[in-house]
Amino acid sequence: MSSPPTEFHKLWMEQCAATEDIREAFGLENALEYLIAEKLFTFLMVSERDPAFGLSISV
């Protein structure tokens, strides 16, 4: 039995909504730090499950 696929677009929408709240409460810099950290964390989680995903991103 496999787990259901992660719907990354929904996760991204939730992160963007949270970023708006953080910006109002703590300012733009903190909001951007949150958003960048969340995107990096999501990338790391996915690349641990699927090493090919990590290789698909070129720097």
PDB file of N, CA and C in Angstrom:
ATOM      1  N   MET A   1       0.852  -1.186   0.000  1.00  0.00           N
ATOM      2  CA  MET A   1       0.000   0.000   0.000  1.00  0.00           C
ATOM      3  C   MET A   1       0.889   1.237   0.000  1.00  0.00           C
ATOM      4  N   SER A   2       0.666   2.129  -0.902  1.00  0.00           N
ATOM      5  CA  SER A   2       1.473   3.342  -0.988  1.00  0.00           C
ATOM      6  C   SER A   2       0.708   4.518  -0.401  1.00  0.00           C
ATOM      7  N   SER A   3       1.464   5.516   0.021  1.00  0.00           N
ATOM      8  CA  SER A   3       0.834   6.708   0.572  1.00  0.00           C
ATOM      9  C   SER A   3       0.326   7.587  -0.567  1.00  0.00           C
ATOM     10  N   PRO A   4      -0.705   8.409  -0.294  1.00  0.00           N
ATOM     11  CA  PRO A   4      -1.226   9.288  -1.354  1.00  0.00           C
ATOM     12  C   PRO A   4      -0.176  10.322  -1.736  1.00  0.00           C
ATOM     13  N   PRO A   5      -0.184  10.755  -2.983  1.00  0.00           N
ATOM     14  CA  PRO A   5       0.805  11.749  -3.413  1.00  0.00           C
ATOM     15  C   PRO A   5       0.597  13.078  -2.695  1.00  0.00           C
ATOM     16  N   THR A   6       1.685  13.744  -2.421  1.00  0.00           N
ATOM     17  CA  THR A   6       1.619  15.063  -1.795  1.00  0.00           C
ATOM     18  C   THR A   6       1.164  16.071  -2.836  1.00  0.00           C
ATOM     19  N   GLU A   7       0.234  16.897  -2.457  1.00  0.00           N
ATOM     20  CA  GLU A   7      -0.259  17.928  -3.359  1.00  0.00           C
ATOM     21  C   GLU A   7       0.488  19.223  -3.042  1.00  0.00           C
ATOM     22  N   PHE A   8       1.630  19.387  -3.727  1.00  0.00           N
ATOM     23  CA  PHE A   8       2.515  20.491  -3.413  1.00  0.00           C
ATOM     24  C   PHE A   8       1.892  21.853  -3.670  1.00  0.00           C
ATOM     25  N   HIS A   9       0.984  21.947  -4.617  1.00  0.00           N
ATOM     26  CA  HIS A   9       0.362  23.251  -4.869  1.00  0.00           C
ATOM     27  C   HIS A   9      -0.466  23.699  -3.667  1.00  0.00           C
ATOM     28  N   LYS A  10      -1.109  22.748  -2.978  1.00  0.00           N
ATOM     29  CA  LYS A  10      -1.884  23.113  -1.790  1.00  0.00           C
ATOM     30  C   LYS A  10      -0.961  23.529  -0.650  1.00  0.00           C
ATOM     31  N   LEU A  11       0.151  22.819  -0.497  1.00  0.00           N
ATOM     32  CA  LEU A  11       1.129  23.179   0.520  1.00  0.00           C
ATOM     33  C   LEU A  11       1.670  24.585   0.257  1.00  0.00           C
ATOM     34  N   TRP A  12       1.974  24.879  -0.998  1.00  0.00           N
ATOM     35  CA  TRP A  12       2.495  26.197  -1.381  1.00  0.00           C
ATOM     36  C   TRP A  12       1.471  27.291  -1.071  1.00  0.00           C
ATOM     37  N   MET A  13       0.198  27.022  -1.351  1.00  0.00           N
ATOM     38  CA  MET A  13      -0.853  28.007  -1.071  1.00  0.00           C
ATOM     39  C   MET A  13      -0.957  28.275   0.434  1.00  0.00           C
ATOM     40  N   GLU A  14      -0.836  27.222   1.252  1.00  0.00           N
ATOM     41  CA  GLU A  14      -0.893  27.390   2.700  1.00  0.00           C
ATOM     42  C   GLU A  14       0.307  28.198   3.199  1.00  0.00           C
ATOM     43  N   GLN A  15       1.475  27.926   2.635  1.00  0.00           N
ATOM     44  CA  GLN A  15       2.676  28.659   3.035  1.00  0.00           C
ATOM     45  C   GLN A  15       2.559  30.136   2.658  1.00  0.00           C
ATOM     46  N   CYS A  16       2.011  30.425   1.502  1.00  0.00           N
ATOM     47  CA  CYS A  16       1.841  31.817   1.081  1.00  0.00           C
ATOM     48  C   CYS A  16       0.852  32.548   1.993  1.00  0.00           C
ATOM     49  N   ALA A  17      -0.220  31.875   2.376  1.00  0.00           N
ATOM     50  CA  ALA A  17      -1.194  32.486   3.284  1.00  0.00           C
ATOM     51  C   ALA A  17      -0.554  32.766   4.643  1.00  0.00           C
ATOM     52  N   ALA A  18       0.236  31.826   5.134  1.00  0.00           N
ATOM     53  CA  ALA A  18       0.927  32.032   6.411  1.00  0.00           C
ATOM     54  C   ALA A  18       1.914  33.189   6.308  1.00  0.00           C
ATOM     55  N   THR A  19       2.543  33.319   5.157  1.00  0.00           N
ATOM     56  CA  THR A  19       3.518  34.391   4.959  1.00  0.00           C
ATOM     57  C   THR A  19       2.847  35.755   5.072  1.00  0.00           C
ATOM     58  N   GLU A  20       1.638  35.883   4.567  1.00  0.00           N
ATOM     59  CA  GLU A  20       0.920  37.158   4.675  1.00  0.00           C
ATOM     60  C   GLU A  20       0.682  37.513   6.139  1.00  0.00           C
ATOM     61  N   ASP A  21       0.282  36.516   6.944  1.00  0.00           N
ATOM     62  CA  ASP A  21       0.047  36.763   8.370  1.00  0.00           C
ATOM     63  C   ASP A  21       1.346  37.141   9.086  1.00  0.00           C
ATOM     64  N   ILE A  22       2.422  36.449   8.739  1.00  0.00           N
ATOM     65  CA  ILE A  22       3.723  36.746   9.357  1.00  0.00           C
ATOM     66  C   ILE A  22       4.169  38.151   8.986  1.00  0.00           C
ATOM     67  N   ARG A  23       3.938  38.537   7.742  1.00  0.00           N
ATOM     68  CA  ARG A  23       4.329  39.893   7.305  1.00  0.00           C
ATOM     69  C   ARG A  23       3.588  40.960   8.117  1.00  0.00           C
ATOM     70  N   GLU A  24       2.297  40.757   8.312  1.00  0.00           N
ATOM     71  CA  GLU A  24       1.515  41.736   9.077  1.00  0.00           C
ATOM     72  C   GLU A  24       1.984  41.823  10.524  1.00  0.00           C
ATOM     73  N   ALA A  25       2.323  40.676  11.111  1.00  0.00           N
ATOM     74  CA  ALA A  25       2.684  40.650  12.526  1.00  0.00           C
ATOM     75  C   ALA A  25       4.155  40.974  12.788  1.00  0.00           C
ATOM     76  N   PHE A  26       5.052  40.535  11.877  1.00  0.00           N
ATOM     77  CA  PHE A  26       6.480  40.610  12.180  1.00  0.00           C
ATOM     78  C   PHE A  26       7.324  41.312  11.123  1.00  0.00           C
ATOM     79  N   GLY A  27       6.716  41.717  10.014  1.00  0.00           N
ATOM     80  CA  GLY A  27       7.456  42.451   8.990  1.00  0.00           C
ATOM     81  C   GLY A  27       7.860  41.600   7.798  1.00  0.00           C
ATOM     82  N   LEU A  28       8.255  42.302   6.750  1.00  0.00           N
ATOM     83  CA  LEU A  28       8.580  41.669   5.469  1.00  0.00           C
ATOM     84  C   LEU A  28       9.771  40.721   5.560  1.00  0.00           C
ATOM     85  N   GLU A  29      10.834  41.133   6.237  1.00  0.00           N
ATOM     86  CA  GLU A  29      12.034  40.298   6.301  1.00  0.00           C
ATOM     87  C   GLU A  29      11.736  38.938   6.952  1.00  0.00           C
ATOM     88  N   ASN A  30      11.004  38.942   8.055  1.00  0.00           N
ATOM     89  CA  ASN A  30      10.655  37.680   8.710  1.00  0.00           C
ATOM     90  C   ASN A  30       9.754  36.821   7.830  1.00  0.00           C
ATOM     91  N   ALA A  31       8.849  37.446   7.109  1.00  0.00           N
ATOM     92  CA  ALA A  31       7.958  36.699   6.223  1.00  0.00           C
ATOM     93  C   ALA A  31       8.747  36.012   5.113  1.00  0.00           C
ATOM     94  N   LEU A  32       9.694  36.741   4.519  1.00  0.00           N
ATOM     95  CA  LEU A  32      10.510  36.148   3.464  1.00  0.00           C
ATOM     96  C   LEU A  32      11.396  35.027   3.997  1.00  0.00           C
ATOM     97  N   GLU A  33      11.958  35.225   5.188  1.00  0.00           N
ATOM     98  CA  GLU A  33      12.775  34.169   5.798  1.00  0.00           C
ATOM     99  C   GLU A  33      11.948  32.904   6.002  1.00  0.00           C
ATOM    100  N   TYR A  34      10.723  33.058   6.487  1.00  0.00           N
ATOM    101  CA  TYR A  34       9.838  31.912   6.677  1.00  0.00           C
ATOM    102  C   TYR A  34       9.577  31.203   5.351  1.00  0.00           C
ATOM    103  N   LEU A  35       9.209  31.962   4.342  1.00  0.00           N
ATOM    104  CA  LEU A  35       8.840  31.374   3.058  1.00  0.00           C
ATOM    105  C   LEU A  35      10.020  30.626   2.424  1.00  0.00           C
ATOM    106  N   ILE A  36      11.192  31.234   2.448  1.00  0.00           N
ATOM    107  CA  ILE A  36      12.371  30.594   1.866  1.00  0.00           C
ATOM    108  C   ILE A  36      12.725  29.325   2.644  1.00  0.00           C
ATOM    109  N   ALA A  37      12.670  29.391   3.972  1.00  0.00           N
ATOM    110  CA  ALA A  37      12.978  28.214   4.787  1.00  0.00           C
ATOM    111  C   ALA A  37      11.986  27.084   4.525  1.00  0.00           C
ATOM    112  N   GLU A  38      10.720  27.399   4.403  1.00  0.00           N
ATOM    113  CA  GLU A  38       9.711  26.370   4.145  1.00  0.00           C
ATOM    114  C   GLU A  38       9.922  25.720   2.778  1.00  0.00           C
ATOM    115  N   LYS A  39      10.239  26.512   1.769  1.00  0.00           N
ATOM    116  CA  LYS A  39      10.485  25.950   0.436  1.00  0.00           C
ATOM    117  C   LYS A  39      11.705  25.043   0.455  1.00  0.00           C
ATOM    118  N   LEU A  40      12.766  25.463   1.145  1.00  0.00           N
ATOM    119  CA  LEU A  40      13.970  24.641   1.243  1.00  0.00           C
ATOM    120  C   LEU A  40      13.674  23.342   1.976  1.00  0.00           C
ATOM    121  N   PHE A  41      12.947  23.424   3.078  1.00  0.00           N
ATOM    122  CA  PHE A  41      12.595  22.232   3.849  1.00  0.00           C
ATOM    123  C   PHE A  41      11.771  21.263   3.001  1.00  0.00           C
ATOM    124  N   THR A  42      10.808  21.765   2.254  1.00  0.00           N
ATOM    125  CA  THR A  42       9.987  20.911   1.386  1.00  0.00           C
ATOM    126  C   THR A  42      10.854  20.242   0.325  1.00  0.00           C
ATOM    127  N   PHE A  43      11.766  20.993  -0.273  1.00  0.00           N
ATOM    128  CA  PHE A  43      12.676  20.432  -1.263  1.00  0.00           C
ATOM    129  C   PHE A  43      13.507  19.300  -0.663  1.00  0.00           C
ATOM    130  N   LEU A  44      14.035  19.514   0.540  1.00  0.00           N
ATOM    131  CA  LEU A  44      14.840  18.487   1.190  1.00  0.00           C
ATOM    132  C   LEU A  44      14.028  17.239   1.496  1.00  0.00           C
ATOM    133  N   MET A  45      12.788  17.417   1.969  1.00  0.00           N
ATOM    134  CA  MET A  45      11.926  16.266   2.267  1.00  0.00           C
ATOM    135  C   MET A  45      11.682  15.432   1.013  1.00  0.00           C
ATOM    136  N   VAL A  46      11.356  16.088  -0.074  1.00  0.00           N
ATOM    137  CA  VAL A  46      11.047  15.382  -1.316  1.00  0.00           C
ATOM    138  C   VAL A  46      12.296  14.709  -1.878  1.00  0.00           C
ATOM    139  N   SER A  47      13.427  15.392  -1.837  1.00  0.00           N
ATOM    140  CA  SER A  47      14.641  14.815  -2.404  1.00  0.00           C
ATOM    141  C   SER A  47      15.147  13.628  -1.583  1.00  0.00           C
ATOM    142  N   GLU A  48      14.814  13.567  -0.286  1.00  0.00           N
ATOM    143  CA  GLU A  48      15.160  12.390   0.513  1.00  0.00           C
ATOM    144  C   GLU A  48      14.342  11.182   0.085  1.00  0.00           C
ATOM    145  N   ARG A  49      13.086  11.392  -0.265  1.00  0.00           N
ATOM    146  CA  ARG A  49      12.225  10.294  -0.719  1.00  0.00           C
ATOM    147  C   ARG A  49      12.510   9.911  -2.160  1.00  0.00           C
ATOM    148  N   ASP A  50      12.911  10.885  -2.969  1.00  0.00           N
ATOM    149  CA  ASP A  50      13.145  10.635  -4.391  1.00  0.00           C
ATOM    150  C   ASP A  50      14.441  11.333  -4.803  1.00  0.00           C
ATOM    151  N   PRO A  51      15.578  10.612  -4.717  1.00  0.00           N
ATOM    152  CA  PRO A  51      16.867  11.227  -5.033  1.00  0.00           C
ATOM    153  C   PRO A  51      16.922  11.839  -6.438  1.00  0.00           C
ATOM    154  N   ALA A  52      16.162  11.308  -7.370  1.00  0.00           N
ATOM    155  CA  ALA A  52      16.150  11.859  -8.720  1.00  0.00           C
ATOM    156  C   ALA A  52      15.601  13.280  -8.730  1.00  0.00           C
ATOM    157  N   PHE A  53      14.707  13.593  -7.805  1.00  0.00           N
ATOM    158  CA  PHE A  53      14.149  14.949  -7.719  1.00  0.00           C
ATOM    159  C   PHE A  53      15.259  15.948  -7.420  1.00  0.00           C
ATOM    160  N   GLY A  54      16.126  15.622  -6.486  1.00  0.00           N
ATOM    161  CA  GLY A  54      17.232  16.517  -6.127  1.00  0.00           C
ATOM    162  C   GLY A  54      18.173  16.733  -7.286  1.00  0.00           C
ATOM    163  N   LEU A  55      18.345  15.726  -8.125  1.00  0.00           N
ATOM    164  CA  LEU A  55      19.235  15.854  -9.268  1.00  0.00           C
ATOM    165  C   LEU A  55      18.611  16.662 -10.396  1.00  0.00           C
ATOM    166  N   SER A  56      17.276  16.806 -10.379  1.00  0.00           N
ATOM    167  CA  SER A  56      16.608  17.510 -11.466  1.00  0.00           C
ATOM    168  C   SER A  56      16.747  19.024 -11.349  1.00  0.00           C
ATOM    169  N   ILE A  57      17.188  19.507 -10.195  1.00  0.00           N
ATOM    170  CA  ILE A  57      17.345  20.937  -9.984  1.00  0.00           C
ATOM    171  C   ILE A  57      18.777  21.313 -10.313  1.00  0.00           C
ATOM    172  N   SER A  58      18.952  22.189 -11.273  1.00  0.00           N
ATOM    173  CA  SER A  58      20.318  22.625 -11.616  1.00  0.00           C
ATOM    174  C   SER A  58      20.598  23.961 -10.945  1.00  0.00           C
ATOM    175  N   VAL A  59      21.820  24.136 -10.562  1.00  0.00           N
ATOM    176  CA  VAL A  59      22.220  25.369  -9.879  1.00  0.00           C
ATOM    177  C   VAL A  59      22.955  26.259 -10.843  1.00  0.00           C
TER     178      VAL A  59
END
